[in-house]
Amino acid sequence: MTLTRRRAGLALASACLAPGLGASRSTWAQAPRYPDRPVKLLHGFGAGGNADAVARILATELGKSLGQAVVVEPKPGAGGTIAAGTVASARPDGYTLLLVTGGHAIAGALYDRLPYDTLKSFQPVSALTTFPFLVVAQAGSKYTGLQDVLKAARARGTELTYGSAGVGTGQHMAGALLAQQAGVNMVHVPYRGESAAMTGLLGGEVDLVLVAPTAAVQHIRSGKLQALATTGPSRWPGMPEVRTAAEQGVAQFDVRSWTGLLAPAGLPKPLLDRLQLDVRKALTDEAVRARLEEITGGEVRASPPAELQATIQGDLKRWTQLVKDAHIQKE
């Protein structure tokens, strides 16, 4: 054990014995060492998807630092709110964590009744990854760029359709915001996941889809699809030739999804500091970064808890306003 780790462990034990940290003195006195049993990492998506893959990579690396197994538990359903509700009601003792995506803020805007408060029920730990979406059409389509799409959408009698991974997903909301900011009408066609949306596009069921880069890149490189725009503020490094929406006339348009790590509200600061330090350590490992970049097609970066909280708060405000302005039906 290094001197730095020994000092951190002593500081953690001392702080956990102090009163006023969200648990009684006797509780912490009985278990001053963290962690002394496996830690659960929940997420609200199906096993085998991108969020699940990110969670499992993170769990492996955190397990190494914590000296205990970190067990991933998918709890899919209701836009991730089942998993979020479970973590929100858990004890803030560091043994139950939640991996969320940008859909966490969307759910707060879209669902009328949630068993938790999107902001107040959680303690942010760190951001993990950030990535844009791609606006994609069939290869050989009359649309060769976003400007062609917007021109067609403004033409009388044109009904332009775009597919997404489902109602309330980041892709759905990105498309709705794009239409609003560009001043056009686009009909949303929801699918059950990105794979189904890609199948629909390849089959000619919709004009466009908005999709995570990693879900489309294989089809683009095989010549079946073409990318018309990226939704981030800068060009996606994986395809630097694809222009941003802002470069194509939709000024200030910027929609990126993200993944982050949350804990229940009331997590003692020594535990928060320990987890944040271990996440930062994991994300600075070159091999881990490379795997996450390959999976998400985006930037991998840890952040201070306050920065993640500001991201969630900003997204919640933006999507709440969009749901109202675009008359998106609430769930």
C-alpha atoms as a PDB file:
ATOM      1  CA  MET A   1       0.000   0.000   0.000  1.00  0.00           C
ATOM      2  CA  THR A   2       1.460   3.366  -0.988  1.00  0.00           C
ATOM      3  CA  LEU A   3       1.749   6.235   1.474  1.00  0.00           C
ATOM      4  CA  THR A   4      -0.860   8.207  -0.516  1.00  0.00           C
ATOM      5  CA  ARG A   5      -3.339   5.301  -0.442  1.00  0.00           C
ATOM      6  CA  ARG A   6      -2.682   4.715   3.289  1.00  0.00           C
ATOM      7  CA  ARG A   7      -3.359   8.376   4.068  1.00  0.00           C
ATOM      8  CA  ALA A   8      -6.515   8.348   1.927  1.00  0.00           C
ATOM      9  CA  GLY A   9      -7.756   5.251   3.754  1.00  0.00           C
ATOM     10  CA  LEU A  10      -7.129   6.800   7.170  1.00  0.00           C
ATOM     11  CA  ALA A  11      -8.837  10.023   6.138  1.00  0.00           C
ATOM     12  CA  LEU A  12     -11.824   8.090   4.808  1.00  0.00           C
ATOM     13  CA  ALA A  13     -12.144   6.036   7.965  1.00  0.00           C
ATOM     14  CA  SER A  14     -11.888   9.124  10.173  1.00  0.00           C
ATOM     15  CA  ALA A  15     -14.443  11.054   8.143  1.00  0.00           C
ATOM     16  CA  CYS A  16     -16.861   8.141   8.095  1.00  0.00           C
ATOM     17  CA  LEU A  17     -16.749   8.065  11.896  1.00  0.00           C
ATOM     18  CA  ALA A  18     -17.638  11.751  12.093  1.00  0.00           C
ATOM     19  CA  PRO A  19     -21.276  12.706  12.787  1.00  0.00           C
ATOM     20  CA  GLY A  20     -23.520  14.585  10.383  1.00  0.00           C
ATOM     21  CA  LEU A  21     -22.577  12.722   7.199  1.00  0.00           C
ATOM     22  CA  GLY A  22     -25.961  11.210   6.388  1.00  0.00           C
ATOM     23  CA  ALA A  23     -25.553   8.147   8.638  1.00  0.00           C
ATOM     24  CA  SER A  24     -25.266   7.612  12.371  1.00  0.00           C
ATOM     25  CA  ARG A  25     -21.925   7.470  14.178  1.00  0.00           C
ATOM     26  CA  SER A  26     -22.615   3.886  15.223  1.00  0.00           C
ATOM     27  CA  THR A  27     -23.361   2.803  11.650  1.00  0.00           C
ATOM     28  CA  TRP A  28     -20.058   4.079  10.345  1.00  0.00           C
ATOM     29  CA  ALA A  29     -18.221   2.765  13.378  1.00  0.00           C
ATOM     30  CA  GLN A  30     -19.444  -0.729  12.546  1.00  0.00           C
ATOM     31  CA  ALA A  31     -18.129  -0.508   8.959  1.00  0.00           C
ATOM     32  CA  PRO A  32     -15.381   2.133   8.801  1.00  0.00           C
ATOM     33  CA  ARG A  33     -13.681   0.580   5.795  1.00  0.00           C
ATOM     34  CA  TYR A  34     -15.153   1.209   2.352  1.00  0.00           C
ATOM     35  CA  PRO A  35     -15.918  -0.972   0.585  1.00  0.00           C
ATOM     36  CA  ASP A  36     -16.113  -4.173   2.603  1.00  0.00           C
ATOM     37  CA  ARG A  37     -18.534  -5.930   0.225  1.00  0.00           C
ATOM     38  CA  PRO A  38     -19.446  -5.807  -3.505  1.00  0.00           C
ATOM     39  CA  VAL A  39     -20.789  -2.572  -4.982  1.00  0.00           C
ATOM     40  CA  LYS A  40     -23.819  -2.559  -7.316  1.00  0.00           C
ATOM     41  CA  LEU A  41     -23.809  -0.486 -10.509  1.00  0.00           C
ATOM     42  CA  LEU A  42     -27.284  -0.169 -12.032  1.00  0.00           C
ATOM     43  CA  HIS A  43     -28.361   1.204 -15.390  1.00  0.00           C
ATOM     44  CA  GLY A  44     -31.718   1.382 -17.147  1.00  0.00           C
ATOM     45  CA  PHE A  45     -30.923  -0.289 -20.458  1.00  0.00           C
ATOM     46  CA  GLY A  46     -30.783  -3.767 -21.915  1.00  0.00           C
ATOM     47  CA  ALA A  47     -27.792  -6.036 -21.505  1.00  0.00           C
ATOM     48  CA  GLY A  48     -25.390  -5.867 -24.442  1.00  0.00           C
ATOM     49  CA  GLY A  49     -26.111  -2.264 -25.455  1.00  0.00           C
ATOM     50  CA  ASN A  50     -23.707   0.672 -25.382  1.00  0.00           C
ATOM     51  CA  ALA A  51     -24.681   1.770 -21.872  1.00  0.00           C
ATOM     52  CA  ASP A  52     -24.233  -1.771 -20.609  1.00  0.00           C
ATOM     53  CA  ALA A  53     -20.811  -2.005 -22.256  1.00  0.00           C
ATOM     54  CA  VAL A  54     -19.697   1.286 -20.694  1.00  0.00           C
ATOM     55  CA  ALA A  55     -20.993   0.142 -17.307  1.00  0.00           C
ATOM     56  CA  ARG A  56     -19.082  -3.143 -17.481  1.00  0.00           C
ATOM     57  CA  ILE A  57     -15.805  -1.497 -18.455  1.00  0.00           C
ATOM     58  CA  LEU A  58     -16.213   1.029 -15.638  1.00  0.00           C
ATOM     59  CA  ALA A  59     -17.188  -1.696 -13.176  1.00  0.00           C
ATOM     60  CA  THR A  60     -14.057  -3.688 -13.954  1.00  0.00           C
ATOM     61  CA  GLU A  61     -11.778  -0.704 -13.450  1.00  0.00           C
ATOM     62  CA  LEU A  62     -13.525   0.524 -10.293  1.00  0.00           C
ATOM     63  CA  GLY A  63     -13.347  -2.988  -8.878  1.00  0.00           C
ATOM     64  CA  LYS A  64      -9.576  -2.930  -9.254  1.00  0.00           C
ATOM     65  CA  SER A  65      -9.269   0.364  -7.381  1.00  0.00           C
ATOM     66  CA  LEU A  66     -11.841  -0.402  -4.699  1.00  0.00           C
ATOM     67  CA  GLY A  67     -10.604  -3.919  -4.023  1.00  0.00           C
ATOM     68  CA  GLN A  68     -14.150  -5.274  -4.283  1.00  0.00           C
ATOM     69  CA  ALA A  69     -16.286  -6.545  -7.126  1.00  0.00           C
ATOM     70  CA  VAL A  70     -18.520  -3.961  -8.815  1.00  0.00           C
ATOM     71  CA  VAL A  71     -21.552  -5.871 -10.109  1.00  0.00           C
ATOM     72  CA  VAL A  72     -23.489  -4.458 -13.075  1.00  0.00           C
ATOM     73  CA  GLU A  73     -27.287  -4.812 -12.800  1.00  0.00           C
ATOM     74  CA  PRO A  74     -29.335  -3.795 -15.860  1.00  0.00           C
ATOM     75  CA  LYS A  75     -32.879  -2.686 -14.970  1.00  0.00           C
ATOM     76  CA  PRO A  76     -34.358  -1.723 -18.351  1.00  0.00           C
ATOM     77  CA  GLY A  77     -37.737  -0.120 -18.809  1.00  0.00           C
ATOM     78  CA  ALA A  78     -39.624   3.179 -18.644  1.00  0.00           C
ATOM     79  CA  GLY A  79     -36.814   5.208 -20.194  1.00  0.00           C
ATOM     80  CA  GLY A  80     -34.335   4.298 -17.476  1.00  0.00           C
ATOM     81  CA  THR A  81     -36.580   5.508 -14.668  1.00  0.00           C
ATOM     82  CA  ILE A  82     -36.913   2.087 -13.015  1.00  0.00           C
ATOM     83  CA  ALA A  83     -33.187   1.879 -12.395  1.00  0.00           C
ATOM     84  CA  ALA A  84     -33.043   5.532 -11.356  1.00  0.00           C
ATOM     85  CA  GLY A  85     -35.889   5.061  -8.887  1.00  0.00           C
ATOM     86  CA  THR A  86     -34.144   2.074  -7.345  1.00  0.00           C
ATOM     87  CA  VAL A  87     -30.930   4.014  -6.783  1.00  0.00           C
ATOM     88  CA  ALA A  88     -32.720   7.132  -5.563  1.00  0.00           C
ATOM     89  CA  SER A  89     -34.287   5.103  -2.737  1.00  0.00           C
ATOM     90  CA  ALA A  90     -31.078   3.262  -1.827  1.00  0.00           C
ATOM     91  CA  ARG A  91     -28.914   4.088   1.184  1.00  0.00           C
ATOM     92  CA  PRO A  92     -26.251   6.692   0.370  1.00  0.00           C
ATOM     93  CA  ASP A  93     -23.428   4.450   1.528  1.00  0.00           C
ATOM     94  CA  GLY A  94     -21.498   4.014  -1.717  1.00  0.00           C
ATOM     95  CA  TYR A  95     -22.737   0.479  -2.360  1.00  0.00           C
ATOM     96  CA  THR A  96     -25.402   1.396  -4.935  1.00  0.00           C
ATOM     97  CA  LEU A  97     -24.444   3.487  -7.961  1.00  0.00           C
ATOM     98  CA  LEU A  98     -26.198   4.445 -11.200  1.00  0.00           C
ATOM     99  CA  LEU A  99     -24.864   4.840 -14.716  1.00  0.00           C
ATOM    100  CA  VAL A 100     -27.048   7.276 -16.661  1.00  0.00           C
ATOM    101  CA  THR A 101     -27.130   8.698 -20.171  1.00  0.00           C
ATOM    102  CA  GLY A 102     -28.471  11.986 -21.474  1.00  0.00           C
ATOM    103  CA  GLY A 103     -31.870  10.292 -21.311  1.00  0.00           C
ATOM    104  CA  HIS A 104     -31.839  10.898 -17.549  1.00  0.00           C
ATOM    105  CA  ALA A 105     -32.582  14.591 -18.102  1.00  0.00           C
ATOM    106  CA  ILE A 106     -35.035  13.834 -20.914  1.00  0.00           C
ATOM    107  CA  ALA A 107     -37.049  11.562 -18.607  1.00  0.00           C
ATOM    108  CA  GLY A 108     -37.289  14.409 -16.123  1.00  0.00           C
ATOM    109  CA  ALA A 109     -38.799  16.588 -18.845  1.00  0.00           C
ATOM    110  CA  LEU A 110     -41.044  13.958 -20.415  1.00  0.00           C
ATOM    111  CA  TYR A 111     -42.551  12.024 -17.506  1.00  0.00           C
ATOM    112  CA  ASP A 112     -45.270  13.698 -15.449  1.00  0.00           C
ATOM    113  CA  ARG A 113     -44.747  11.520 -12.385  1.00  0.00           C
ATOM    114  CA  LEU A 114     -41.412  10.111 -11.326  1.00  0.00           C
ATOM    115  CA  PRO A 115     -40.596   8.375  -8.024  1.00  0.00           C
ATOM    116  CA  TYR A 116     -37.617  10.695  -7.627  1.00  0.00           C
ATOM    117  CA  ASP A 117     -36.407  14.222  -8.352  1.00  0.00           C
ATOM    118  CA  THR A 118     -34.071  14.322 -11.358  1.00  0.00           C
ATOM    119  CA  LEU A 119     -31.696  16.739  -9.628  1.00  0.00           C
ATOM    120  CA  LYS A 120     -32.243  16.465  -5.881  1.00  0.00           C
ATOM    121  CA  SER A 121     -32.432  12.686  -5.488  1.00  0.00           C
ATOM    122  CA  PHE A 122     -28.899  12.029  -6.723  1.00  0.00           C
ATOM    123  CA  GLN A 123     -25.312  12.949  -6.013  1.00  0.00           C
ATOM    124  CA  PRO A 124     -23.340  13.285  -9.258  1.00  0.00           C
ATOM    125  CA  VAL A 125     -19.942  11.589  -9.160  1.00  0.00           C
ATOM    126  CA  SER A 126     -18.431  12.164 -12.603  1.00  0.00           C
ATOM    127  CA  ALA A 127     -19.140  12.416 -16.293  1.00  0.00           C
ATOM    128  CA  LEU A 128     -17.757   9.516 -18.326  1.00  0.00           C
ATOM    129  CA  THR A 129     -18.297   9.967 -22.064  1.00  0.00           C
ATOM    130  CA  THR A 130     -19.795  12.532 -24.442  1.00  0.00           C
ATOM    131  CA  PHE A 131     -20.769  11.937 -28.068  1.00  0.00           C
ATOM    132  CA  PRO A 132     -22.794  13.595 -30.865  1.00  0.00           C
ATOM    133  CA  PHE A 133     -25.385  12.035 -33.136  1.00  0.00           C
ATOM    134  CA  LEU A 134     -25.158  11.697 -36.900  1.00  0.00           C
ATOM    135  CA  VAL A 135     -27.949  12.658 -39.297  1.00  0.00           C
ATOM    136  CA  VAL A 136     -27.918   9.794 -41.807  1.00  0.00           C
ATOM    137  CA  ALA A 137     -29.694   9.070 -45.102  1.00  0.00           C
ATOM    138  CA  GLN A 138     -29.557   6.278 -47.657  1.00  0.00           C
ATOM    139  CA  ALA A 139     -26.613   6.365 -50.058  1.00  0.00           C
ATOM    140  CA  GLY A 140     -27.796   7.773 -53.371  1.00  0.00           C
ATOM    141  CA  SER A 141     -30.519   9.781 -51.675  1.00  0.00           C
ATOM    142  CA  LYS A 142     -31.394  13.184 -53.105  1.00  0.00           C
ATOM    143  CA  TYR A 143     -30.192  14.582 -49.783  1.00  0.00           C
ATOM    144  CA  THR A 144     -26.435  15.083 -49.832  1.00  0.00           C
ATOM    145  CA  GLY A 145     -26.260  17.459 -46.894  1.00  0.00           C
ATOM    146  CA  LEU A 146     -28.421  18.957 -44.189  1.00  0.00           C
ATOM    147  CA  GLN A 147     -29.114  21.996 -46.340  1.00  0.00           C
ATOM    148  CA  ASP A 148     -30.879  19.753 -48.875  1.00  0.00           C
ATOM    149  CA  VAL A 149     -32.998  18.296 -46.079  1.00  0.00           C
ATOM    150  CA  LEU A 150     -34.037  21.701 -44.780  1.00  0.00           C
ATOM    151  CA  LYS A 151     -34.835  22.961 -48.272  1.00  0.00           C
ATOM    152  CA  ALA A 152     -37.048  19.940 -48.911  1.00  0.00           C
ATOM    153  CA  ALA A 153     -38.759  20.317 -45.545  1.00  0.00           C
ATOM    154  CA  ARG A 154     -39.672  23.898 -46.402  1.00  0.00           C
ATOM    155  CA  ALA A 155     -41.152  22.922 -49.767  1.00  0.00           C
ATOM    156  CA  ARG A 156     -44.937  22.870 -49.969  1.00  0.00           C
ATOM    157  CA  GLY A 157     -46.446  19.385 -49.881  1.00  0.00           C
ATOM    158  CA  THR A 158     -43.304  17.668 -48.578  1.00  0.00           C
ATOM    159  CA  GLU A 159     -43.618  15.406 -45.551  1.00  0.00           C
ATOM    160  CA  LEU A 160     -40.110  14.644 -44.384  1.00  0.00           C
ATOM    161  CA  THR A 161     -39.700  11.840 -41.854  1.00  0.00           C
ATOM    162  CA  TYR A 162     -36.927  10.999 -39.434  1.00  0.00           C
ATOM    163  CA  GLY A 163     -36.495   7.871 -37.364  1.00  0.00           C
ATOM    164  CA  SER A 164     -35.083   7.492 -33.875  1.00  0.00           C
ATOM    165  CA  ALA A 165     -34.437   4.816 -31.278  1.00  0.00           C
ATOM    166  CA  GLY A 166     -37.784   5.633 -29.657  1.00  0.00           C
ATOM    167  CA  VAL A 167     -39.969   8.292 -28.065  1.00  0.00           C
ATOM    168  CA  GLY A 168     -38.062  10.331 -25.520  1.00  0.00           C
ATOM    169  CA  THR A 169     -34.620   9.199 -26.640  1.00  0.00           C
ATOM    170  CA  GLY A 170     -31.792  11.619 -27.284  1.00  0.00           C
ATOM    171  CA  GLN A 171     -32.185  11.035 -31.020  1.00  0.00           C
ATOM    172  CA  HIS A 172     -35.881  11.943 -30.880  1.00  0.00           C
ATOM    173  CA  MET A 173     -35.242  15.129 -28.962  1.00  0.00           C
ATOM    174  CA  ALA A 174     -32.280  16.097 -31.150  1.00  0.00           C
ATOM    175  CA  GLY A 175     -34.457  15.799 -34.243  1.00  0.00           C
ATOM    176  CA  ALA A 176     -37.263  17.814 -32.679  1.00  0.00           C
ATOM    177  CA  LEU A 177     -34.852  20.551 -31.614  1.00  0.00           C
ATOM    178  CA  LEU A 178     -33.241  20.605 -35.062  1.00  0.00           C
ATOM    179  CA  ALA A 179     -36.655  21.072 -36.694  1.00  0.00           C
ATOM    180  CA  GLN A 180     -37.572  23.811 -34.231  1.00  0.00           C
ATOM    181  CA  GLN A 181     -34.347  25.769 -34.622  1.00  0.00           C
ATOM    182  CA  ALA A 182     -34.388  25.411 -38.421  1.00  0.00           C
ATOM    183  CA  GLY A 183     -38.047  26.453 -38.605  1.00  0.00           C
ATOM    184  CA  VAL A 184     -39.224  23.331 -40.456  1.00  0.00           C
ATOM    185  CA  ASN A 185     -41.597  20.435 -39.888  1.00  0.00           C
ATOM    186  CA  MET A 186     -40.273  16.891 -39.685  1.00  0.00           C
ATOM    187  CA  VAL A 187     -42.407  13.885 -38.754  1.00  0.00           C
ATOM    188  CA  HIS A 188     -40.903  11.708 -36.029  1.00  0.00           C
ATOM    189  CA  VAL A 189     -41.061   7.922 -36.522  1.00  0.00           C
ATOM    190  CA  PRO A 190     -40.042   6.065 -33.354  1.00  0.00           C
ATOM    191  CA  TYR A 191     -38.488   2.602 -33.477  1.00  0.00           C
ATOM    192  CA  ARG A 192     -37.574   0.108 -30.793  1.00  0.00           C
ATOM    193  CA  GLY A 193     -33.894   0.874 -30.571  1.00  0.00           C
ATOM    194  CA  GLU A 194     -31.176   2.093 -32.909  1.00  0.00           C
ATOM    195  CA  SER A 195     -30.861  -1.187 -34.793  1.00  0.00           C
ATOM    196  CA  ALA A 196     -34.541  -1.115 -35.726  1.00  0.00           C
ATOM    197  CA  ALA A 197     -34.248   2.522 -36.819  1.00  0.00           C
ATOM    198  CA  MET A 198     -31.295   1.659 -39.051  1.00  0.00           C
ATOM    199  CA  THR A 199     -33.262  -1.233 -40.579  1.00  0.00           C
ATOM    200  CA  GLY A 200     -36.143   1.139 -41.253  1.00  0.00           C
ATOM    201  CA  LEU A 201     -33.861   3.603 -43.006  1.00  0.00           C
ATOM    202  CA  LEU A 202     -32.192   0.893 -45.106  1.00  0.00           C
ATOM    203  CA  GLY A 203     -35.662  -0.316 -46.081  1.00  0.00           C
ATOM    204  CA  GLY A 204     -36.781   3.144 -47.166  1.00  0.00           C
ATOM    205  CA  GLU A 205     -39.378   3.572 -44.414  1.00  0.00           C
ATOM    206  CA  VAL A 206     -38.024   6.993 -43.385  1.00  0.00           C
ATOM    207  CA  ASP A 207     -35.966   9.721 -45.034  1.00  0.00           C
ATOM    208  CA  LEU A 208     -33.432  10.129 -42.254  1.00  0.00           C
ATOM    209  CA  VAL A 209     -32.375   8.805 -38.902  1.00  0.00           C
ATOM    210  CA  LEU A 210     -30.485  10.400 -36.064  1.00  0.00           C
ATOM    211  CA  VAL A 211     -28.194   7.829 -34.550  1.00  0.00           C
ATOM    212  CA  ALA A 212     -25.086   7.377 -32.422  1.00  0.00           C
ATOM    213  CA  PRO A 213     -21.984   7.320 -34.660  1.00  0.00           C
ATOM    214  CA  THR A 214     -20.987   3.786 -33.730  1.00  0.00           C
ATOM    215  CA  ALA A 215     -24.400   2.462 -34.831  1.00  0.00           C
ATOM    216  CA  ALA A 216     -24.046   3.932 -38.331  1.00  0.00           C
ATOM    217  CA  VAL A 217     -20.358   3.915 -39.184  1.00  0.00           C
ATOM    218  CA  GLN A 218     -20.287   0.365 -40.567  1.00  0.00           C
ATOM    219  CA  HIS A 219     -23.159   1.071 -42.968  1.00  0.00           C
ATOM    220  CA  ILE A 220     -21.592   4.366 -44.023  1.00  0.00           C
ATOM    221  CA  ARG A 221     -18.234   2.777 -44.759  1.00  0.00           C
ATOM    222  CA  SER A 222     -19.893  -0.058 -46.684  1.00  0.00           C
ATOM    223  CA  GLY A 223     -21.585   2.492 -48.942  1.00  0.00           C
ATOM    224  CA  LYS A 224     -25.175   1.781 -47.885  1.00  0.00           C
ATOM    225  CA  LEU A 225     -25.701   5.040 -46.008  1.00  0.00           C
ATOM    226  CA  GLN A 226     -24.298   8.563 -46.004  1.00  0.00           C
ATOM    227  CA  ALA A 227     -23.844  10.985 -43.119  1.00  0.00           C
ATOM    228  CA  LEU A 228     -25.341  14.415 -43.772  1.00  0.00           C
ATOM    229  CA  ALA A 229     -24.394  16.196 -40.553  1.00  0.00           C
ATOM    230  CA  THR A 230     -23.180  15.795 -37.014  1.00  0.00           C
ATOM    231  CA  THR A 231     -25.116  17.329 -34.152  1.00  0.00           C
ATOM    232  CA  GLY A 232     -22.151  18.409 -32.020  1.00  0.00           C
ATOM    233  CA  PRO A 233     -20.447  21.812 -31.942  1.00  0.00           C
ATOM    234  CA  SER A 234     -17.430  20.467 -33.857  1.00  0.00           C
ATOM    235  CA  ARG A 235     -16.901  17.775 -36.477  1.00  0.00           C
ATOM    236  CA  TRP A 236     -16.798  14.193 -35.257  1.00  0.00           C
ATOM    237  CA  PRO A 237     -13.168  12.989 -35.337  1.00  0.00           C
ATOM    238  CA  GLY A 238     -14.252   9.633 -36.767  1.00  0.00           C
ATOM    239  CA  MET A 239     -15.537  11.370 -39.925  1.00  0.00           C
ATOM    240  CA  PRO A 240     -14.035  14.845 -40.065  1.00  0.00           C
ATOM    241  CA  GLU A 241     -15.409  15.392 -43.577  1.00  0.00           C
ATOM    242  CA  VAL A 242     -18.990  15.483 -42.212  1.00  0.00           C
ATOM    243  CA  ARG A 243     -20.032  19.046 -41.428  1.00  0.00           C
ATOM    244  CA  THR A 244     -21.874  20.103 -38.309  1.00  0.00           C
ATOM    245  CA  ALA A 245     -25.477  21.305 -38.365  1.00  0.00           C
ATOM    246  CA  ALA A 246     -24.229  24.759 -37.361  1.00  0.00           C
ATOM    247  CA  GLU A 247     -21.932  24.824 -40.395  1.00  0.00           C
ATOM    248  CA  GLN A 248     -24.950  24.083 -42.572  1.00  0.00           C
ATOM    249  CA  GLY A 249     -27.141  26.954 -41.470  1.00  0.00           C
ATOM    250  CA  VAL A 250     -28.601  25.960 -38.085  1.00  0.00           C
ATOM    251  CA  ALA A 251     -26.599  28.356 -35.954  1.00  0.00           C
ATOM    252  CA  GLN A 252     -25.805  27.350 -32.361  1.00  0.00           C
ATOM    253  CA  PHE A 253     -27.286  23.863 -32.779  1.00  0.00           C
ATOM    254  CA  ASP A 254     -25.501  21.552 -30.383  1.00  0.00           C
ATOM    255  CA  VAL A 255     -26.913  18.259 -29.110  1.00  0.00           C
ATOM    256  CA  ARG A 256     -24.660  15.652 -27.550  1.00  0.00           C
ATOM    257  CA  SER A 257     -25.520  12.678 -25.414  1.00  0.00           C
ATOM    258  CA  TRP A 258     -23.385  11.547 -22.530  1.00  0.00           C
ATOM    259  CA  THR A 259     -22.925   8.950 -19.831  1.00  0.00           C
ATOM    260  CA  GLY A 260     -22.281   9.721 -16.192  1.00  0.00           C
ATOM    261  CA  LEU A 261     -22.105   8.146 -12.763  1.00  0.00           C
ATOM    262  CA  LEU A 262     -24.559   9.033  -9.979  1.00  0.00           C
ATOM    263  CA  ALA A 263     -25.047   7.951  -6.373  1.00  0.00           C
ATOM    264  CA  PRO A 264     -28.010   8.483  -4.047  1.00  0.00           C
ATOM    265  CA  ALA A 265     -28.266  11.977  -2.571  1.00  0.00           C
ATOM    266  CA  GLY A 266     -26.588  12.300   0.803  1.00  0.00           C
ATOM    267  CA  LEU A 267     -23.453  10.351  -0.113  1.00  0.00           C
ATOM    268  CA  PRO A 268     -20.776  11.376   2.427  1.00  0.00           C
ATOM    269  CA  LYS A 269     -18.075  13.557   0.918  1.00  0.00           C
ATOM    270  CA  PRO A 270     -15.210  11.173   1.735  1.00  0.00           C
ATOM    271  CA  LEU A 271     -16.958   8.447  -0.273  1.00  0.00           C
ATOM    272  CA  LEU A 272     -17.725  10.874  -3.097  1.00  0.00           C
ATOM    273  CA  ASP A 273     -14.087  11.935  -3.206  1.00  0.00           C
ATOM    274  CA  ARG A 274     -12.926   8.318  -3.230  1.00  0.00           C
ATOM    275  CA  LEU A 275     -15.249   7.336  -6.080  1.00  0.00           C
ATOM    276  CA  GLN A 276     -14.446  10.447  -8.102  1.00  0.00           C
ATOM    277  CA  LEU A 277     -10.731   9.778  -7.727  1.00  0.00           C
ATOM    278  CA  ASP A 278     -11.110   6.167  -8.835  1.00  0.00           C
ATOM    279  CA  VAL A 279     -13.255   7.108 -11.848  1.00  0.00           C
ATOM    280  CA  ARG A 280     -10.687   9.681 -12.902  1.00  0.00           C
ATOM    281  CA  LYS A 281      -7.940   7.080 -12.551  1.00  0.00           C
ATOM    282  CA  ALA A 282      -9.887   4.607 -14.717  1.00  0.00           C
ATOM    283  CA  LEU A 283     -10.613   7.119 -17.470  1.00  0.00           C
ATOM    284  CA  THR A 284      -7.009   8.241 -17.759  1.00  0.00           C
ATOM    285  CA  ASP A 285      -5.854   4.682 -18.489  1.00  0.00           C
ATOM    286  CA  GLU A 286      -5.038   4.588 -22.211  1.00  0.00           C
ATOM    287  CA  ALA A 287      -6.438   1.102 -22.795  1.00  0.00           C
ATOM    288  CA  VAL A 288      -9.705   1.958 -21.019  1.00  0.00           C
ATOM    289  CA  ARG A 289     -10.044   5.217 -22.944  1.00  0.00           C
ATOM    290  CA  ALA A 290      -9.493   3.416 -26.243  1.00  0.00           C
ATOM    291  CA  ARG A 291     -12.185   0.835 -25.490  1.00  0.00           C
ATOM    292  CA  LEU A 292     -14.709   3.467 -24.436  1.00  0.00           C
ATOM    293  CA  GLU A 293     -13.965   5.648 -27.452  1.00  0.00           C
ATOM    294  CA  GLU A 294     -14.508   2.656 -29.722  1.00  0.00           C
ATOM    295  CA  ILE A 295     -17.840   1.820 -28.083  1.00  0.00           C
ATOM    296  CA  THR A 296     -19.300   5.329 -27.891  1.00  0.00           C
ATOM    297  CA  GLY A 297     -17.546   7.113 -30.728  1.00  0.00           C
ATOM    298  CA  GLY A 298     -17.058  10.106 -28.465  1.00  0.00           C
ATOM    299  CA  GLU A 299     -14.886  11.869 -25.935  1.00  0.00           C
ATOM    300  CA  VAL A 300     -13.897  10.139 -22.708  1.00  0.00           C
ATOM    301  CA  ARG A 301     -13.350  12.478 -19.780  1.00  0.00           C
ATOM    302  CA  ALA A 302     -13.961  12.514 -16.046  1.00  0.00           C
ATOM    303  CA  SER A 303     -15.438  15.676 -14.551  1.00  0.00           C
ATOM    304  CA  PRO A 304     -16.000  17.244 -11.139  1.00  0.00           C
ATOM    305  CA  PRO A 305     -19.417  16.394  -9.658  1.00  0.00           C
ATOM    306  CA  ALA A 306     -20.592  20.007 -10.028  1.00  0.00           C
ATOM    307  CA  GLU A 307     -19.918  19.934 -13.754  1.00  0.00           C
ATOM    308  CA  LEU A 308     -22.075  16.839 -14.258  1.00  0.00           C
ATOM    309  CA  GLN A 309     -24.828  18.406 -12.149  1.00  0.00           C
ATOM    310  CA  ALA A 310     -24.712  21.526 -14.335  1.00  0.00           C
ATOM    311  CA  THR A 311     -25.005  19.361 -17.465  1.00  0.00           C
ATOM    312  CA  ILE A 312     -28.067  17.563 -16.116  1.00  0.00           C
ATOM    313  CA  GLN A 313     -29.642  20.823 -14.975  1.00  0.00           C
ATOM    314  CA  GLY A 314     -29.021  22.516 -18.329  1.00  0.00           C
ATOM    315  CA  ASP A 315     -30.387  19.570 -20.300  1.00  0.00           C
ATOM    316  CA  LEU A 316     -33.448  19.307 -18.075  1.00  0.00           C
ATOM    317  CA  LYS A 317     -34.251  22.968 -18.671  1.00  0.00           C
ATOM    318  CA  ARG A 318     -33.732  22.697 -22.425  1.00  0.00           C
ATOM    319  CA  TRP A 319     -35.786  19.532 -22.883  1.00  0.00           C
ATOM    320  CA  THR A 320     -38.599  20.755 -20.624  1.00  0.00           C
ATOM    321  CA  GLN A 321     -38.913  23.851 -22.807  1.00  0.00           C
ATOM    322  CA  LEU A 322     -38.786  21.792 -26.014  1.00  0.00           C
ATOM    323  CA  VAL A 323     -41.491  19.394 -24.809  1.00  0.00           C
ATOM    324  CA  LYS A 324     -43.700  22.420 -24.198  1.00  0.00           C
ATOM    325  CA  ASP A 325     -42.879  24.346 -27.388  1.00  0.00           C
ATOM    326  CA  ALA A 326     -42.957  21.361 -29.748  1.00  0.00           C
ATOM    327  CA  HIS A 327     -46.111  19.920 -28.127  1.00  0.00           C
ATOM    328  CA  ILE A 328     -44.435  16.585 -27.443  1.00  0.00           C
ATOM    329  CA  GLN A 329     -46.849  14.357 -25.551  1.00  0.00           C
ATOM    330  CA  LYS A 330     -45.761  13.722 -21.986  1.00  0.00           C
ATOM    331  CA  GLU A 331     -45.771  10.199 -20.622  1.00  0.00           C
END
